PDB file of all heavy atoms in Angstrom:
ATOM      1  N   ALA A   1       1.849  -7.568   5.733  1.00  0.00           N
ATOM      2  CA  ALA A   1       1.367  -6.860   4.548  1.00  0.00           C
ATOM      3  C   ALA A   1       2.461  -6.515   3.546  1.00  0.00           C
ATOM      4  O   ALA A   1       2.320  -6.763   2.349  1.00  0.00           O
ATOM      5  CB  ALA A   1       0.614  -5.601   4.956  1.00  0.00           C
ATOM      6  N   ILE A   2       3.546  -5.928   4.004  1.00  0.00           N
ATOM      7  CA  ILE A   2       4.583  -5.485   3.064  1.00  0.00           C
ATOM      8  C   ILE A   2       5.127  -6.668   2.284  1.00  0.00           C
ATOM      9  O   ILE A   2       5.241  -6.613   1.055  1.00  0.00           O
ATOM     10  CB  ILE A   2       5.695  -4.715   3.808  1.00  0.00           C
ATOM     11  CG1 ILE A   2       5.126  -3.400   4.352  1.00  0.00           C
ATOM     12  CG2 ILE A   2       6.889  -4.465   2.890  1.00  0.00           C
ATOM     13  CD1 ILE A   2       6.066  -2.639   5.263  1.00  0.00           C
ATOM     14  N   GLU A   3       5.433  -7.746   2.972  1.00  0.00           N
ATOM     15  CA  GLU A   3       5.965  -8.938   2.295  1.00  0.00           C
ATOM     16  C   GLU A   3       4.929  -9.537   1.342  1.00  0.00           C
ATOM     17  O   GLU A   3       5.252  -9.951   0.227  1.00  0.00           O
ATOM     18  CB  GLU A   3       6.427  -9.975   3.317  1.00  0.00           C
ATOM     19  CG  GLU A   3       7.160 -11.145   2.702  1.00  0.00           C
ATOM     20  CD  GLU A   3       8.404 -10.740   1.907  1.00  0.00           C
ATOM     21  OE1 GLU A   3       9.110  -9.801   2.323  1.00  0.00           O
ATOM     22  OE2 GLU A   3       8.650 -11.362   0.858  1.00  0.00           O
ATOM     23  N   ALA A   4       3.668  -9.596   1.755  1.00  0.00           N
ATOM     24  CA  ALA A   4       2.612 -10.160   0.903  1.00  0.00           C
ATOM     25  C   ALA A   4       2.422  -9.336  -0.368  1.00  0.00           C
ATOM     26  O   ALA A   4       2.266  -9.889  -1.462  1.00  0.00           O
ATOM     27  CB  ALA A   4       1.295 -10.246   1.674  1.00  0.00           C
ATOM     28  N   VAL A   5       2.444  -8.016  -0.234  1.00  0.00           N
ATOM     29  CA  VAL A   5       2.289  -7.152  -1.417  1.00  0.00           C
ATOM     30  C   VAL A   5       3.494  -7.286  -2.334  1.00  0.00           C
ATOM     31  O   VAL A   5       3.353  -7.369  -3.556  1.00  0.00           O
ATOM     32  CB  VAL A   5       2.051  -5.685  -1.001  1.00  0.00           C
ATOM     33  CG1 VAL A   5       2.139  -4.755  -2.206  1.00  0.00           C
ATOM     34  CG2 VAL A   5       0.692  -5.541  -0.318  1.00  0.00           C
ATOM     35  N   LYS A   6       4.686  -7.344  -1.761  1.00  0.00           N
ATOM     36  CA  LYS A   6       5.889  -7.532  -2.589  1.00  0.00           C
ATOM     37  C   LYS A   6       5.810  -8.845  -3.369  1.00  0.00           C
ATOM     38  O   LYS A   6       6.112  -8.904  -4.558  1.00  0.00           O
ATOM     39  CB  LYS A   6       7.149  -7.515  -1.728  1.00  0.00           C
ATOM     40  CG  LYS A   6       7.574  -6.139  -1.319  1.00  0.00           C
ATOM     41  CD  LYS A   6       8.864  -6.197  -0.517  1.00  0.00           C
ATOM     42  CE  LYS A   6       9.276  -4.811  -0.072  1.00  0.00           C
ATOM     43  NZ  LYS A   6      10.479  -4.834   0.758  1.00  0.00           N
ATOM     44  N   GLU A   7       5.406  -9.897  -2.674  1.00  0.00           N
ATOM     45  CA  GLU A   7       5.309 -11.202  -3.333  1.00  0.00           C
ATOM     46  C   GLU A   7       4.230 -11.203  -4.413  1.00  0.00           C
ATOM     47  O   GLU A   7       4.442 -11.683  -5.521  1.00  0.00           O
ATOM     48  CB  GLU A   7       5.019 -12.288  -2.304  1.00  0.00           C
ATOM     49  CG  GLU A   7       5.028 -13.689  -2.889  1.00  0.00           C
ATOM     50  CD  GLU A   7       4.808 -14.754  -1.833  1.00  0.00           C
ATOM     51  OE1 GLU A   7       5.300 -14.593  -0.700  1.00  0.00           O
ATOM     52  OE2 GLU A   7       4.143 -15.751  -2.160  1.00  0.00           O
ATOM     53  N   ALA A   8       3.067 -10.638  -4.115  1.00  0.00           N
ATOM     54  CA  ALA A   8       1.966 -10.617  -5.081  1.00  0.00           C
ATOM     55  C   ALA A   8       2.271  -9.740  -6.291  1.00  0.00           C
ATOM     56  O   ALA A   8       1.757  -9.984  -7.380  1.00  0.00           O
ATOM     57  CB  ALA A   8       0.682 -10.134  -4.400  1.00  0.00           C
ATOM     58  N   SER A   9       3.127  -8.731  -6.098  1.00  0.00           N
ATOM     59  CA  SER A   9       3.427  -7.790  -7.186  1.00  0.00           C
ATOM     60  C   SER A   9       4.787  -8.027  -7.820  1.00  0.00           C
ATOM     61  O   SER A   9       5.274  -7.191  -8.573  1.00  0.00           O
ATOM     62  CB  SER A   9       3.365  -6.360  -6.652  1.00  0.00           C
ATOM     63  OG  SER A   9       4.410  -6.141  -5.709  1.00  0.00           O
ATOM     64  N   GLU A  10       5.399  -9.153  -7.509  1.00  0.00           N
ATOM     65  CA  GLU A  10       6.727  -9.485  -8.009  1.00  0.00           C
ATOM     66  C   GLU A  10       7.732  -8.383  -7.670  1.00  0.00           C
ATOM     67  O   GLU A  10       8.569  -7.999  -8.491  1.00  0.00           O
ATOM     68  CB  GLU A  10       6.685  -9.765  -9.512  1.00  0.00           C
ATOM     69  CG  GLU A  10       5.805 -10.951  -9.846  1.00  0.00           C
ATOM     70  CD  GLU A  10       5.637 -11.204 -11.333  1.00  0.00           C
ATOM     71  OE1 GLU A  10       6.086 -10.368 -12.141  1.00  0.00           O
ATOM     72  OE2 GLU A  10       5.052 -12.242 -11.671  1.00  0.00           O
ATOM     73  N   GLY A  11       7.597  -7.853  -6.443  1.00  0.00           N
ATOM     74  CA  GLY A  11       8.538  -6.869  -5.934  1.00  0.00           C
ATOM     75  C   GLY A  11       8.237  -5.422  -6.277  1.00  0.00           C
ATOM     76  O   GLY A  11       8.941  -4.519  -5.821  1.00  0.00           O
ATOM     77  N   ARG A  12       7.208  -5.169  -7.072  1.00  0.00           N
ATOM     78  CA  ARG A  12       6.928  -3.796  -7.518  1.00  0.00           C
ATOM     79  C   ARG A  12       6.189  -2.961  -6.479  1.00  0.00           C
ATOM     80  O   ARG A  12       6.222  -1.742  -6.540  1.00  0.00           O
ATOM     81  CB  ARG A  12       6.101  -3.817  -8.801  1.00  0.00           C
ATOM     82  CG  ARG A  12       6.837  -4.349 -10.011  1.00  0.00           C
ATOM     83  CD  ARG A  12       5.971  -4.245 -11.255  1.00  0.00           C
ATOM     84  NE  ARG A  12       4.704  -4.938 -11.092  1.00  0.00           N
ATOM     85  CZ  ARG A  12       4.485  -6.225 -11.371  1.00  0.00           C
ATOM     86  NH1 ARG A  12       5.477  -6.961 -11.831  1.00  0.00           N
ATOM     87  NH2 ARG A  12       3.303  -6.767 -11.200  1.00  0.00           N
ATOM     88  N   GLY A  13       5.461  -3.558  -5.578  1.00  0.00           N
ATOM     89  CA  GLY A  13       4.585  -2.820  -4.670  1.00  0.00           C
ATOM     90  C   GLY A  13       3.236  -2.623  -5.337  1.00  0.00           C
ATOM     91  O   GLY A  13       3.049  -2.911  -6.525  1.00  0.00           O
ATOM     92  N   SER A  14       2.285  -2.122  -4.582  1.00  0.00           N
ATOM     93  CA  SER A  14       0.928  -1.994  -5.128  1.00  0.00           C
ATOM     94  C   SER A  14       0.838  -0.834  -6.118  1.00  0.00           C
ATOM     95  O   SER A  14       1.549   0.163  -5.995  1.00  0.00           O
ATOM     96  CB  SER A  14      -0.080  -1.787  -3.997  1.00  0.00           C
ATOM     97  OG  SER A  14       0.155  -0.550  -3.357  1.00  0.00           O
ATOM     98  N   ASP A  15      -0.050  -0.970  -7.077  1.00  0.00           N
ATOM     99  CA  ASP A  15      -0.351   0.119  -8.014  1.00  0.00           C
ATOM    100  C   ASP A  15      -1.275   1.127  -7.356  1.00  0.00           C
ATOM    101  O   ASP A  15      -1.159   2.328  -7.567  1.00  0.00           O
ATOM    102  CB  ASP A  15      -1.023  -0.419  -9.279  1.00  0.00           C
ATOM    103  CG  ASP A  15      -0.112  -1.333 -10.069  1.00  0.00           C
ATOM    104  OD1 ASP A  15       1.105  -1.065 -10.116  1.00  0.00           O
ATOM    105  OD2 ASP A  15      -0.615  -2.315 -10.635  1.00  0.00           O
ATOM    106  N   VAL A  16      -2.204   0.620  -6.563  1.00  0.00           N
ATOM    107  CA  VAL A  16      -3.149   1.453  -5.826  1.00  0.00           C
ATOM    108  C   VAL A  16      -3.302   0.849  -4.437  1.00  0.00           C
ATOM    109  O   VAL A  16      -3.521  -0.349  -4.303  1.00  0.00           O
ATOM    110  CB  VAL A  16      -4.544   1.492  -6.509  1.00  0.00           C
ATOM    111  CG1 VAL A  16      -5.536   2.291  -5.672  1.00  0.00           C
ATOM    112  CG2 VAL A  16      -4.446   2.049  -7.916  1.00  0.00           C
ATOM    113  N   SER A  17      -3.181   1.694  -3.426  1.00  0.00           N
ATOM    114  CA  SER A  17      -3.442   1.274  -2.058  1.00  0.00           C
ATOM    115  C   SER A  17      -4.645   2.071  -1.573  1.00  0.00           C
ATOM    116  O   SER A  17      -4.673   3.293  -1.711  1.00  0.00           O
ATOM    117  CB  SER A  17      -2.245   1.551  -1.146  1.00  0.00           C
ATOM    118  OG  SER A  17      -1.143   0.745  -1.503  1.00  0.00           O
ATOM    119  N   ILE A  18      -5.622   1.385  -1.031  1.00  0.00           N
ATOM    120  CA  ILE A  18      -6.812   2.044  -0.517  1.00  0.00           C
ATOM    121  C   ILE A  18      -6.819   1.885   0.998  1.00  0.00           C
ATOM    122  O   ILE A  18      -6.876   0.770   1.502  1.00  0.00           O
ATOM    123  CB  ILE A  18      -8.096   1.455  -1.135  1.00  0.00           C
ATOM    124  CG1 ILE A  18      -8.050   1.629  -2.656  1.00  0.00           C
ATOM    125  CG2 ILE A  18      -9.337   2.125  -0.538  1.00  0.00           C
ATOM    126  CD1 ILE A  18      -9.162   0.911  -3.393  1.00  0.00           C
ATOM    127  N   GLU A  19      -6.735   3.011   1.695  1.00  0.00           N
ATOM    128  CA  GLU A  19      -6.696   2.989   3.148  1.00  0.00           C
ATOM    129  C   GLU A  19      -8.093   3.317   3.661  1.00  0.00           C
ATOM    130  O   GLU A  19      -8.576   4.420   3.494  1.00  0.00           O
ATOM    131  CB  GLU A  19      -5.684   4.008   3.658  1.00  0.00           C
ATOM    132  CG  GLU A  19      -5.232   3.767   5.080  1.00  0.00           C
ATOM    133  CD  GLU A  19      -6.338   3.813   6.104  1.00  0.00           C
ATOM    134  OE1 GLU A  19      -6.919   4.885   6.325  1.00  0.00           O
ATOM    135  OE2 GLU A  19      -6.642   2.750   6.685  1.00  0.00           O
ATOM    136  N   ALA A  20      -8.748   2.333   4.271  1.00  0.00           N
ATOM    137  CA  ALA A  20     -10.142   2.501   4.684  1.00  0.00           C
ATOM    138  C   ALA A  20     -10.339   2.428   6.195  1.00  0.00           C
ATOM    139  O   ALA A  20     -11.466   2.527   6.658  1.00  0.00           O
ATOM    140  CB  ALA A  20     -11.007   1.438   4.001  1.00  0.00           C
ATOM    141  N   SER A  21      -9.273   2.283   6.960  1.00  0.00           N
ATOM    142  CA  SER A  21      -9.434   2.081   8.398  1.00  0.00           C
ATOM    143  C   SER A  21      -9.608   3.382   9.178  1.00  0.00           C
ATOM    144  O   SER A  21     -10.190   3.378  10.253  1.00  0.00           O
ATOM    145  CB  SER A  21      -8.221   1.333   8.960  1.00  0.00           C
ATOM    146  OG  SER A  21      -7.072   2.171   8.974  1.00  0.00           O
ATOM    147  N   GLY A  22      -9.068   4.458   8.671  1.00  0.00           N
ATOM    148  CA  GLY A  22      -9.075   5.697   9.449  1.00  0.00           C
ATOM    149  C   GLY A  22      -8.054   5.670  10.574  1.00  0.00           C
ATOM    150  O   GLY A  22      -8.086   6.500  11.470  1.00  0.00           O
ATOM    151  N   ALA A  23      -7.128   4.722  10.517  1.00  0.00           N
ATOM    152  CA  ALA A  23      -6.085   4.592  11.533  1.00  0.00           C
ATOM    153  C   ALA A  23      -4.757   5.071  10.954  1.00  0.00           C
ATOM    154  O   ALA A  23      -4.373   4.640   9.860  1.00  0.00           O
ATOM    155  CB  ALA A  23      -5.962   3.139  11.980  1.00  0.00           C
ATOM    156  N   PRO A  24      -4.038   5.946  11.660  1.00  0.00           N
ATOM    157  CA  PRO A  24      -2.753   6.424  11.144  1.00  0.00           C
ATOM    158  C   PRO A  24      -1.792   5.309  10.749  1.00  0.00           C
ATOM    159  O   PRO A  24      -1.106   5.409   9.730  1.00  0.00           O
ATOM    160  CB  PRO A  24      -2.198   7.271  12.300  1.00  0.00           C
ATOM    161  CG  PRO A  24      -3.427   7.785  12.981  1.00  0.00           C
ATOM    162  CD  PRO A  24      -4.407   6.631  12.904  1.00  0.00           C
ATOM    163  N   LYS A  25      -1.737   4.222  11.527  1.00  0.00           N
ATOM    164  CA  LYS A  25      -0.857   3.105  11.164  1.00  0.00           C
ATOM    165  C   LYS A  25      -1.274   2.480   9.829  1.00  0.00           C
ATOM    166  O   LYS A  25      -0.447   1.991   9.079  1.00  0.00           O
ATOM    167  CB  LYS A  25      -0.848   2.044  12.260  1.00  0.00           C
ATOM    168  CG  LYS A  25      -0.075   2.456  13.489  1.00  0.00           C
ATOM    169  CD  LYS A  25      -0.053   1.334  14.516  1.00  0.00           C
ATOM    170  CE  LYS A  25       0.733   1.742  15.731  1.00  0.00           C
ATOM    171  NZ  LYS A  25       0.805   0.675  16.733  1.00  0.00           N
ATOM    172  N   GLY A  26      -2.585   2.491   9.543  1.00  0.00           N
ATOM    173  CA  GLY A  26      -3.067   1.967   8.272  1.00  0.00           C
ATOM    174  C   GLY A  26      -2.601   2.816   7.102  1.00  0.00           C
ATOM    175  O   GLY A  26      -2.218   2.296   6.050  1.00  0.00           O
ATOM    176  N   LEU A  27      -2.620   4.129   7.275  1.00  0.00           N
ATOM    177  CA  LEU A  27      -2.146   5.017   6.213  1.00  0.00           C
ATOM    178  C   LEU A  27      -0.647   4.853   6.005  1.00  0.00           C
ATOM    179  O   LEU A  27      -0.166   4.800   4.869  1.00  0.00           O
ATOM    180  CB  LEU A  27      -2.495   6.470   6.543  1.00  0.00           C
ATOM    181  CG  LEU A  27      -2.093   7.504   5.508  1.00  0.00           C
ATOM    182  CD1 LEU A  27      -2.624   7.168   4.119  1.00  0.00           C
ATOM    183  CD2 LEU A  27      -2.576   8.894   5.939  1.00  0.00           C
ATOM    184  N   GLN A  28       0.099   4.727   7.091  1.00  0.00           N
ATOM    185  CA  GLN A  28       1.537   4.500   6.957  1.00  0.00           C
ATOM    186  C   GLN A  28       1.811   3.198   6.214  1.00  0.00           C
ATOM    187  O   GLN A  28       2.661   3.143   5.327  1.00  0.00           O
ATOM    188  CB  GLN A  28       2.214   4.465   8.335  1.00  0.00           C
ATOM    189  CG  GLN A  28       3.725   4.334   8.257  1.00  0.00           C
ATOM    190  CD  GLN A  28       4.366   5.571   7.661  1.00  0.00           C
ATOM    191  OE1 GLN A  28       4.225   6.656   8.201  1.00  0.00           O
ATOM    192  NE2 GLN A  28       5.079   5.406   6.553  1.00  0.00           N
ATOM    193  N   LEU A  29       1.063   2.164   6.549  1.00  0.00           N
ATOM    194  CA  LEU A  29       1.251   0.874   5.886  1.00  0.00           C
ATOM    195  C   LEU A  29       0.900   0.959   4.405  1.00  0.00           C
ATOM    196  O   LEU A  29       1.583   0.384   3.555  1.00  0.00           O
ATOM    197  CB  LEU A  29       0.414  -0.201   6.584  1.00  0.00           C
ATOM    198  CG  LEU A  29       0.656  -1.633   6.156  1.00  0.00           C
ATOM    199  CD1 LEU A  29       2.125  -2.033   6.299  1.00  0.00           C
ATOM    200  CD2 LEU A  29      -0.225  -2.571   6.963  1.00  0.00           C
ATOM    201  N   ALA A  30      -0.148   1.693   4.065  1.00  0.00           N
ATOM    202  CA  ALA A  30      -0.513   1.868   2.656  1.00  0.00           C
ATOM    203  C   ALA A  30       0.621   2.548   1.890  1.00  0.00           C
ATOM    204  O   ALA A  30       0.957   2.151   0.765  1.00  0.00           O
ATOM    205  CB  ALA A  30      -1.807   2.678   2.543  1.00  0.00           C
ATOM    206  N   ILE A  31       1.219   3.556   2.491  1.00  0.00           N
ATOM    207  CA  ILE A  31       2.364   4.230   1.860  1.00  0.00           C
ATOM    208  C   ILE A  31       3.516   3.256   1.695  1.00  0.00           C
ATOM    209  O   ILE A  31       4.134   3.167   0.623  1.00  0.00           O
ATOM    210  CB  ILE A  31       2.780   5.462   2.694  1.00  0.00           C
ATOM    211  CG1 ILE A  31       1.725   6.559   2.555  1.00  0.00           C
ATOM    212  CG2 ILE A  31       4.164   5.970   2.290  1.00  0.00           C
ATOM    213  CD1 ILE A  31       1.902   7.721   3.518  1.00  0.00           C
ATOM    214  N   ASP A  32       3.800   2.482   2.736  1.00  0.00           N
ATOM    215  CA  ASP A  32       4.937   1.562   2.710  1.00  0.00           C
ATOM    216  C   ASP A  32       4.750   0.414   1.722  1.00  0.00           C
ATOM    217  O   ASP A  32       5.735  -0.154   1.245  1.00  0.00           O
ATOM    218  CB  ASP A  32       5.193   1.003   4.107  1.00  0.00           C
ATOM    219  CG  ASP A  32       5.627   2.083   5.098  1.00  0.00           C
ATOM    220  OD1 ASP A  32       5.994   3.199   4.674  1.00  0.00           O
ATOM    221  OD2 ASP A  32       5.569   1.804   6.317  1.00  0.00           O
ATOM    222  N   CYS A  33       3.509   0.059   1.393  1.00  0.00           N
ATOM    223  CA  CYS A  33       3.233  -1.039   0.464  1.00  0.00           C
ATOM    224  C   CYS A  33       3.172  -0.587  -0.995  1.00  0.00           C
ATOM    225  O   CYS A  33       3.159  -1.415  -1.904  1.00  0.00           O
ATOM    226  CB  CYS A  33       1.905  -1.704   0.807  1.00  0.00           C
ATOM    227  SG  CYS A  33       1.949  -2.721   2.285  1.00  0.00           S
ATOM    228  N   SER A  34       3.113   0.708  -1.229  1.00  0.00           N
ATOM    229  CA  SER A  34       2.869   1.227  -2.572  1.00  0.00           C
ATOM    230  C   SER A  34       4.134   1.248  -3.427  1.00  0.00           C
ATOM    231  O   SER A  34       5.223   1.547  -2.942  1.00  0.00           O
ATOM    232  CB  SER A  34       2.285   2.635  -2.482  1.00  0.00           C
ATOM    233  OG  SER A  34       1.031   2.589  -1.841  1.00  0.00           O
ATOM    234  N   GLY A  35       3.944   0.966  -4.701  1.00  0.00           N
ATOM    235  CA  GLY A  35       5.049   0.939  -5.642  1.00  0.00           C
ATOM    236  C   GLY A  35       5.282   2.285  -6.309  1.00  0.00           C
ATOM    237  O   GLY A  35       4.622   3.286  -6.004  1.00  0.00           O
ATOM    238  N   LEU A  36       6.196   2.302  -7.238  1.00  0.00           N
ATOM    239  CA  LEU A  36       6.594   3.505  -7.952  1.00  0.00           C
ATOM    240  C   LEU A  36       5.397   4.191  -8.600  1.00  0.00           C
ATOM    241  O   LEU A  36       4.637   3.568  -9.331  1.00  0.00           O
ATOM    242  CB  LEU A  36       7.634   3.141  -9.023  1.00  0.00           C
ATOM    243  CG  LEU A  36       8.262   4.292  -9.786  1.00  0.00           C
ATOM    244  CD1 LEU A  36       9.044   5.202  -8.838  1.00  0.00           C
ATOM    245  CD2 LEU A  36       9.175   3.748 -10.872  1.00  0.00           C
ATOM    246  N   GLU A  37       5.224   5.474  -8.297  1.00  0.00           N
ATOM    247  CA  GLU A  37       4.166   6.326  -8.839  1.00  0.00           C
ATOM    248  C   GLU A  37       2.754   5.780  -8.592  1.00  0.00           C
ATOM    249  O   GLU A  37       1.839   6.004  -9.372  1.00  0.00           O
ATOM    250  CB  GLU A  37       4.402   6.616 -10.320  1.00  0.00           C
ATOM    251  CG  GLU A  37       5.685   7.395 -10.546  1.00  0.00           C
ATOM    252  CD  GLU A  37       5.916   7.818 -11.975  1.00  0.00           C
ATOM    253  OE1 GLU A  37       5.181   7.372 -12.876  1.00  0.00           O
ATOM    254  OE2 GLU A  37       6.859   8.593 -12.197  1.00  0.00           O
ATOM    255  N   ALA A  38       2.587   5.096  -7.494  1.00  0.00           N
ATOM    256  CA  ALA A  38       1.286   4.530  -7.129  1.00  0.00           C
ATOM    257  C   ALA A  38       0.396   5.598  -6.506  1.00  0.00           C
ATOM    258  O   ALA A  38       0.858   6.647  -6.063  1.00  0.00           O
ATOM    259  CB  ALA A  38       1.478   3.379  -6.143  1.00  0.00           C
ATOM    260  N   ASP A  39      -0.887   5.308  -6.483  1.00  0.00           N
ATOM    261  CA  ASP A  39      -1.861   6.147  -5.796  1.00  0.00           C
ATOM    262  C   ASP A  39      -2.167   5.532  -4.439  1.00  0.00           C
ATOM    263  O   ASP A  39      -2.373   4.320  -4.332  1.00  0.00           O
ATOM    264  CB  ASP A  39      -3.176   6.231  -6.582  1.00  0.00           C
ATOM    265  CG  ASP A  39      -3.051   7.046  -7.855  1.00  0.00           C
ATOM    266  OD1 ASP A  39      -2.140   7.891  -7.938  1.00  0.00           O
ATOM    267  OD2 ASP A  39      -3.867   6.843  -8.763  1.00  0.00           O
ATOM    268  N   VAL A  40      -2.217   6.377  -3.415  1.00  0.00           N
ATOM    269  CA  VAL A  40      -2.665   5.974  -2.092  1.00  0.00           C
ATOM    270  C   VAL A  40      -3.975   6.722  -1.868  1.00  0.00           C
ATOM    271  O   VAL A  40      -3.982   7.933  -1.684  1.00  0.00           O
ATOM    272  CB  VAL A  40      -1.639   6.327  -0.991  1.00  0.00           C
ATOM    273  CG1 VAL A  40      -2.167   5.935   0.381  1.00  0.00           C
ATOM    274  CG2 VAL A  40      -0.299   5.643  -1.280  1.00  0.00           C
ATOM    275  N   CYS A  41      -5.071   6.000  -1.952  1.00  0.00           N
ATOM    276  CA  CYS A  41      -6.395   6.601  -1.832  1.00  0.00           C
ATOM    277  C   CYS A  41      -6.893   6.449  -0.397  1.00  0.00           C
ATOM    278  O   CYS A  41      -6.965   5.336   0.121  1.00  0.00           O
ATOM    279  CB  CYS A  41      -7.366   5.936  -2.808  1.00  0.00           C
ATOM    280  SG  CYS A  41      -9.000   6.681  -2.786  1.00  0.00           S
ATOM    281  N   VAL A  42      -7.222   7.571   0.217  1.00  0.00           N
ATOM    282  CA  VAL A  42      -7.659   7.570   1.608  1.00  0.00           C
ATOM    283  C   VAL A  42      -9.174   7.694   1.645  1.00  0.00           C
ATOM    284  O   VAL A  42      -9.728   8.734   1.311  1.00  0.00           O
ATOM    285  CB  VAL A  42      -7.005   8.723   2.399  1.00  0.00           C
ATOM    286  CG1 VAL A  42      -7.450   8.692   3.855  1.00  0.00           C
ATOM    287  CG2 VAL A  42      -5.490   8.639   2.290  1.00  0.00           C
ATOM    288  N   VAL A  43      -9.846   6.599   2.018  1.00  0.00           N
ATOM    289  CA  VAL A  43     -11.299   6.622   2.175  1.00  0.00           C
ATOM    290  C   VAL A  43     -11.691   6.551   3.639  1.00  0.00           C
ATOM    291  O   VAL A  43     -12.828   6.820   3.989  1.00  0.00           O
ATOM    292  CB  VAL A  43     -12.000   5.509   1.353  1.00  0.00           C
ATOM    293  CG1 VAL A  43     -11.683   5.658  -0.120  1.00  0.00           C
ATOM    294  CG2 VAL A  43     -11.623   4.128   1.847  1.00  0.00           C
TER     295      VAL A  43
END
């Protein structure tokens, strides 16, 4: 995931990460994939 998001965003990270799994590792990954001043939305 981290590498794919970096590649898709030209290194910026995601603008918005939506965590829908309810799994702590999923929330950590959403944080780790997010770019500068991004929103991490927990659904």
